């Protein structure tokens, strides 16, 4: 298993970028959804 952000293989880099994109997307959508629920 390649280490994240250290192994620069094509598939490993693509997998890490995809995972980080999903994490950032979830974080952004949670921040946007919380104020709407509070109102």
C-alpha atoms as a PDB file:
ATOM      1  CA  UNK A   1       0.000   0.000   0.000  1.00  0.00           C
ATOM      2  CA  UNK A   2       1.603   3.300  -1.067  1.00  0.00           C
ATOM      3  CA  UNK A   3       1.944   6.047   1.515  1.00  0.00           C
ATOM      4  CA  UNK A   4      -0.324   9.047   0.902  1.00  0.00           C
ATOM      5  CA  UNK A   5       1.350  12.118  -0.650  1.00  0.00           C
ATOM      6  CA  UNK A   6       4.738  10.314  -0.700  1.00  0.00           C
ATOM      7  CA  UNK A   7       4.363   7.705  -3.428  1.00  0.00           C
ATOM      8  CA  UNK A   8       4.110   9.451  -6.799  1.00  0.00           C
ATOM      9  CA  UNK A   9       2.900   6.510  -8.875  1.00  0.00           C
ATOM     10  CA  UNK A  10       0.204   7.459 -11.385  1.00  0.00           C
ATOM     11  CA  UNK A  11      -2.595   5.355  -9.893  1.00  0.00           C
ATOM     12  CA  UNK A  12      -1.608   6.135  -6.293  1.00  0.00           C
ATOM     13  CA  UNK A  13      -1.535   9.884  -6.995  1.00  0.00           C
ATOM     14  CA  UNK A  14      -4.893   9.729  -8.776  1.00  0.00           C
ATOM     15  CA  UNK A  15      -6.446   7.742  -5.914  1.00  0.00           C
ATOM     16  CA  UNK A  16      -5.153  10.190  -3.285  1.00  0.00           C
ATOM     17  CA  UNK A  17      -6.395  13.226  -5.227  1.00  0.00           C
ATOM     18  CA  UNK A  18      -9.800  11.584  -5.652  1.00  0.00           C
ATOM     19  CA  UNK A  19     -10.010  10.780  -1.925  1.00  0.00           C
ATOM     20  CA  UNK A  20      -8.932  14.296  -0.917  1.00  0.00           C
ATOM     21  CA  UNK A  21     -11.460  15.789  -3.320  1.00  0.00           C
ATOM     22  CA  UNK A  22     -14.263  13.772  -1.751  1.00  0.00           C
ATOM     23  CA  UNK A  23     -13.168  14.783   1.763  1.00  0.00           C
ATOM     24  CA  UNK A  24     -13.028  18.494   0.849  1.00  0.00           C
ATOM     25  CA  UNK A  25     -16.401  18.238  -0.895  1.00  0.00           C
ATOM     26  CA  UNK A  26     -18.034  16.715   2.182  1.00  0.00           C
ATOM     27  CA  UNK A  27     -16.436  19.322   4.462  1.00  0.00           C
ATOM     28  CA  UNK A  28     -17.621  22.215   2.275  1.00  0.00           C
ATOM     29  CA  UNK A  29     -21.157  20.884   1.960  1.00  0.00           C
ATOM     30  CA  UNK A  30     -21.388  20.331   5.725  1.00  0.00           C
ATOM     31  CA  UNK A  31     -20.314  23.932   6.401  1.00  0.00           C
ATOM     32  CA  UNK A  32     -22.919  25.203   3.940  1.00  0.00           C
ATOM     33  CA  UNK A  33     -25.693  22.963   5.289  1.00  0.00           C
ATOM     34  CA  UNK A  34     -25.299  23.746   9.011  1.00  0.00           C
ATOM     35  CA  UNK A  35     -26.397  27.455   8.893  1.00  0.00           C
ATOM     36  CA  UNK A  36     -29.447  26.550   6.803  1.00  0.00           C
ATOM     37  CA  UNK A  37     -30.610  24.005   9.388  1.00  0.00           C
ATOM     38  CA  UNK A  38     -30.058  26.463  12.245  1.00  0.00           C
ATOM     39  CA  UNK A  39     -32.418  28.957  10.614  1.00  0.00           C
END
